[in-house]
Protein backbone atom coordinates (compact mmCIF):
# COMPACT_ATOMS: atom_id res chain seq x y z
CA MET A 1 -0.11 -0.01 0.05
CA LYS A 2 1.31 3.40 -0.92
CA ASN A 3 1.65 6.08 1.87
CA ILE A 4 -0.04 9.35 1.20
CA ILE A 5 0.26 12.70 3.00
CA ILE A 6 -2.09 15.30 2.52
CA THR A 7 -2.35 18.85 4.06
CA GLY A 8 -5.48 20.84 4.71
CA THR A 9 -7.92 18.04 5.17
CA SER A 10 -10.55 19.58 7.28
CA ARG A 11 -12.78 20.90 4.48
CA GLY A 12 -12.84 21.24 0.71
CA ILE A 13 -10.63 19.51 -1.52
CA GLY A 14 -8.41 17.86 1.00
CA PHE A 15 -11.22 16.69 2.83
CA GLU A 16 -12.55 14.71 -0.22
CA LEU A 17 -9.05 13.63 -1.38
CA ALA A 18 -8.10 12.07 2.11
CA GLN A 19 -11.36 10.03 1.54
CA LEU A 20 -10.84 9.12 -1.79
CA PHE A 21 -7.41 7.65 -1.21
CA ALA A 22 -8.35 5.97 1.77
CA LYS A 23 -11.34 4.23 0.02
CA ASN A 24 -9.02 2.84 -2.65
CA ASN A 25 -6.72 1.25 -0.02
CA TYR A 26 -3.93 3.76 0.32
CA ASN A 27 -2.59 4.81 3.56
CA VAL A 28 -3.30 8.29 4.22
CA LEU A 29 -1.97 11.03 7.05
CA ALA A 30 -4.23 13.89 7.12
CA LEU A 31 -2.83 16.81 8.36
CA SER A 32 -4.93 20.06 9.54
CA ARG A 33 -5.47 22.09 12.27
CA ASN A 34 -8.91 20.55 12.97
CA ALA A 35 -8.80 16.79 12.65
CA GLU A 36 -12.44 16.37 13.83
CA PRO A 37 -14.09 16.15 10.35
CA LEU A 38 -12.34 13.07 9.28
CA LYS A 39 -12.08 11.51 12.79
CA LYS A 40 -15.84 11.60 12.90
CA ILE A 41 -15.97 9.66 9.50
CA ALA A 42 -13.65 7.15 10.93
CA LEU A 43 -12.56 5.62 7.53
CA GLN A 44 -10.25 2.65 7.65
CA ASN A 45 -6.57 3.47 6.38
CA ILE A 46 -6.74 7.27 7.27
CA SER A 47 -4.71 8.62 10.22
CA THR A 48 -5.14 12.46 11.57
CA LEU A 49 -2.87 14.65 12.98
CA ALA A 50 -3.80 18.10 14.29
CA VAL A 51 -0.88 20.30 13.12
CA ASP A 52 -0.46 24.04 12.72
CA LEU A 53 1.56 24.02 9.57
CA SER A 54 2.91 27.50 10.32
CA ASN A 55 4.66 26.03 13.54
CA ASP A 56 7.81 24.05 12.67
CA ASN A 57 7.38 22.17 15.86
CA ASP A 58 4.34 20.87 14.89
CA LEU A 59 5.66 19.55 11.75
CA GLN A 60 7.93 17.43 13.79
CA LYS A 61 4.77 15.31 14.50
CA VAL A 62 4.50 14.47 10.99
CA THR A 63 8.08 13.14 10.60
CA SER A 64 7.74 11.39 13.92
CA PHE A 65 4.60 9.37 12.61
CA VAL A 66 6.30 8.64 9.42
CA SER A 67 9.48 7.22 11.24
CA LYS A 68 7.41 5.07 13.70
CA ASN A 69 4.64 3.81 11.10
CA TRP A 70 5.70 3.97 7.54
CA LYS A 71 9.29 4.38 6.98
CA CYS A 72 8.77 5.92 3.51
CA VAL A 73 6.32 8.33 1.90
CA ASP A 74 5.20 7.76 -1.77
CA ILE A 75 2.95 11.15 -2.43
CA VAL A 76 2.71 14.42 -0.60
CA ILE A 77 0.07 16.93 -1.45
CA HIS A 78 0.43 20.09 -0.22
CA ASN A 79 -3.26 21.53 -0.27
CA ALA A 80 -3.49 23.74 2.59
CA GLY A 81 -3.73 27.21 1.94
CA LYS A 82 -4.21 30.71 3.63
CA LEU A 83 -6.21 33.49 2.16
CA ILE A 84 -6.45 37.09 3.15
CA ASN A 85 -8.69 39.29 1.00
CA LYS A 86 -7.80 42.98 1.60
CA PRO A 87 -7.09 45.94 -0.31
CA PHE A 88 -3.38 46.23 -0.66
CA SER A 89 -3.32 49.76 1.04
CA GLN A 90 -4.37 47.75 4.23
CA LEU A 91 -2.27 44.72 4.09
CA THR A 92 0.55 44.62 6.78
CA THR A 93 3.79 42.78 6.71
CA ASN A 94 2.25 40.19 9.35
CA ASP A 95 -0.72 39.62 6.72
CA PHE A 96 1.83 38.80 4.15
CA LEU A 97 3.95 36.64 6.65
CA ASP A 98 0.70 34.82 7.70
CA VAL A 99 -0.10 33.95 4.23
CA TYR A 100 3.45 33.06 3.07
CA LYS A 101 4.09 30.76 6.35
CA VAL A 102 1.17 28.44 5.12
CA ASN A 103 1.26 28.63 1.33
CA VAL A 104 5.03 28.71 0.84
CA PHE A 105 7.07 28.48 4.26
CA ALA A 106 5.38 25.24 5.59
CA VAL A 107 5.61 23.58 2.17
CA ALA A 108 9.39 24.01 2.10
CA GLU A 109 9.83 23.03 5.63
CA LEU A 110 7.48 19.93 5.57
CA THR A 111 9.18 18.86 2.34
CA ARG A 112 12.49 19.38 3.62
CA GLN A 113 11.91 17.33 6.94
CA LEU A 114 10.22 14.65 4.75
CA LEU A 115 13.23 14.33 2.29
CA PRO A 116 14.79 11.28 4.18
CA TYR A 117 11.34 9.18 3.51
CA LEU A 118 10.86 10.19 -0.17
CA LYS A 119 12.36 7.44 -2.55
CA ILE A 120 12.80 7.04 -6.15
CA GLY A 121 9.11 7.46 -7.70
CA SER A 122 7.87 9.54 -4.86
CA HIS A 123 5.69 12.45 -6.13
CA VAL A 124 5.23 15.74 -4.66
CA VAL A 125 2.11 17.94 -5.78
CA ASN A 126 1.94 21.54 -4.64
CA ILE A 127 -1.60 22.84 -4.93
CA SER A 128 -1.32 26.35 -6.24
CA SER A 129 -3.66 28.90 -8.11
CA ILE A 130 -4.06 30.09 -11.46
CA GLY A 131 -4.02 33.53 -9.84
CA GLY A 132 -0.17 32.79 -9.27
CA VAL A 133 0.52 32.32 -12.69
CA GLN A 134 2.68 34.95 -14.46
CA GLY A 135 0.20 36.63 -17.10
CA SER A 136 -3.09 35.39 -15.59
CA MET A 137 -5.85 37.70 -14.77
CA LYS A 138 -5.28 39.14 -11.21
CA PHE A 139 -7.90 40.27 -8.76
CA PRO A 140 -7.86 43.25 -6.28
CA GLY A 141 -7.41 42.17 -2.61
CA LEU A 142 -5.40 39.08 -3.28
CA ALA A 143 -1.90 40.68 -3.38
CA ALA A 144 -0.66 38.28 -0.46
CA TYR A 145 -2.33 35.16 -1.77
CA SER A 146 -1.63 35.51 -5.26
CA SER A 147 2.02 36.39 -4.83
CA SER A 148 2.45 33.58 -2.36
CA LYS A 149 0.85 31.06 -5.04
CA GLY A 150 3.50 32.49 -7.36
CA ALA A 151 6.24 31.86 -5.05
CA LEU A 152 5.06 28.25 -4.62
CA LEU A 153 5.07 27.65 -8.61
CA THR A 154 8.87 28.77 -8.63
CA LEU A 155 9.56 26.67 -5.50
CA THR A 156 8.10 23.69 -7.28
CA GLU A 157 10.46 24.26 -10.35
CA MET A 158 13.44 24.64 -8.23
CA LEU A 159 12.90 21.28 -6.23
CA ALA A 160 12.28 19.44 -9.27
CA GLU A 161 15.64 20.38 -10.53
CA GLU A 162 17.48 19.96 -7.25
CA TYR A 163 16.14 16.37 -6.68
CA LYS A 164 15.70 14.95 -10.07
CA GLU A 165 18.90 12.79 -9.78
CA GLU A 166 17.10 11.20 -6.76
CA GLY A 167 14.13 10.33 -8.79
CA ILE A 168 11.74 12.41 -6.85
CA SER A 169 9.10 14.26 -8.73
CA PHE A 170 7.70 17.86 -7.96
CA ASN A 171 4.80 19.17 -9.63
CA ALA A 172 2.31 22.02 -9.24
CA LEU A 173 -1.43 22.22 -10.29
CA ALA A 174 -2.50 25.75 -10.73
CA LEU A 175 -6.26 25.62 -9.89
CA GLY A 176 -8.93 27.95 -11.08
CA ALA A 177 -12.33 28.32 -9.53
CA VAL A 178 -13.54 25.44 -7.30
CA GLN A 179 -16.62 25.66 -5.13
CA THR A 180 -14.82 25.66 -1.96
CA GLU A 181 -14.99 27.69 1.23
CA MET A 182 -11.83 29.58 0.25
CA LEU A 183 -13.54 30.67 -3.01
CA GLU A 184 -16.47 31.88 -1.11
CA GLU A 185 -14.24 34.09 1.05
CA ALA A 186 -12.40 35.54 -1.88
CA PHE A 187 -15.53 35.73 -4.31
CA PRO A 188 -18.54 36.01 -2.05
CA GLY A 189 -21.64 34.57 -4.04
CA TYR A 190 -19.70 33.42 -7.09
CA LYS A 191 -20.56 29.99 -7.99
CA ALA A 192 -17.78 27.82 -9.56
CA PRO A 193 -18.28 25.32 -12.35
CA VAL A 194 -16.55 22.30 -10.40
CA SER A 195 -17.07 20.89 -7.03
CA SER A 196 -14.37 20.04 -4.58
CA LYS A 197 -15.00 16.26 -5.28
CA GLU A 198 -14.54 16.73 -8.99
CA VAL A 199 -11.16 18.37 -8.50
CA ALA A 200 -10.14 15.84 -5.82
CA ASP A 201 -10.79 13.35 -8.40
CA TYR A 202 -8.51 14.98 -10.62
CA ILE A 203 -5.87 15.48 -8.10
CA TYR A 204 -6.11 11.87 -6.99
CA ASN A 205 -5.21 10.47 -10.55
CA PHE A 206 -2.38 13.24 -11.15
CA ALA A 207 -0.95 12.27 -7.98
CA LEU A 208 -0.82 8.60 -8.69
CA THR A 209 0.33 8.89 -12.39
CA GLY A 210 1.30 12.47 -13.32
CA ASN A 211 5.14 12.07 -12.25
CA LYS A 212 5.35 9.34 -15.00
CA PHE A 213 4.75 12.32 -17.70
CA TYR A 214 6.07 15.55 -15.63
CA ASN A 215 8.57 16.83 -13.51
CA GLY A 216 8.89 20.68 -12.51
CA LYS A 217 5.75 21.32 -14.24
CA ILE A 218 3.16 23.88 -13.69
CA LEU A 219 -0.31 22.45 -15.12
CA GLU A 220 -2.87 24.99 -15.14
CA VAL A 221 -6.41 23.27 -14.27
CA SER A 222 -8.73 26.12 -14.97
CA SER A 223 -11.70 26.53 -17.33
CA THR A 224 -13.13 29.68 -15.99
CA THR A 225 -11.85 32.90 -14.52
CA PRO A 226 -11.76 33.50 -11.64
C-alpha cells in the first residue's frame, strides 16, 4: 500500500482527497489544524494529526509519525492554503507573513523534513492557484495570496531540478475556480463550475500517475476566470 500525506484536510478538496485515497486502499496521513471532521468519518486507512503548518515544531509530529509507522512516503499533496482578502493599502507585513507561512514556508519546511522518507518514484504535488501564474488575470484584494502562490510555483520548479537525480518528482497544479469555502471568502456569491469532489478526483489521478509524464511542471487546471 502506498503512503500518502495530504495537508489541509478539514474541508474542501483536502477533505475529499483523504477519503478518496483511503477508499482505494491507500494509507493516508491527513494533516490539518482541525482533525475532527475526518475523525468523525472514521474511515479505515486514515490517520489524522492536528497540525499547525506554520509551526515548525508541529511539523515534527509528521516526521515522527512517518518514522514510527511508515518508513517511506510515496505521495505528498501540499493542499493547505491561507487567504487574506484585503485592499493592498490595508495589508500589513504580518498579513503577508501569515499567508506565506502556510502557502510557501510550510511547504518548503515539511518537504525538507520528509526528504529522508521520499524515494525514487515519490511524487510531491503542490496545489497552487491560477492567480499565481504569470500573465493570468489578477484580482484586487489578493496581493498576498496570489503572490504566495506564484512563489510556490517557482519553488516547485526549483525542487524538481534539485532532486531530479534522486528520482523525486515535483509538480504543481494551478487551480482555477473550485466551489470551496476559500472561494466563497475571496469571491462571495460566485458559483464555480466544478465541485471540491470533482477536483479531488483529478488531483487523485494526477498524484498517482502524473510523475510518469511530468517533473517540475506547472499545470493550469482552470476552465473559467476566476
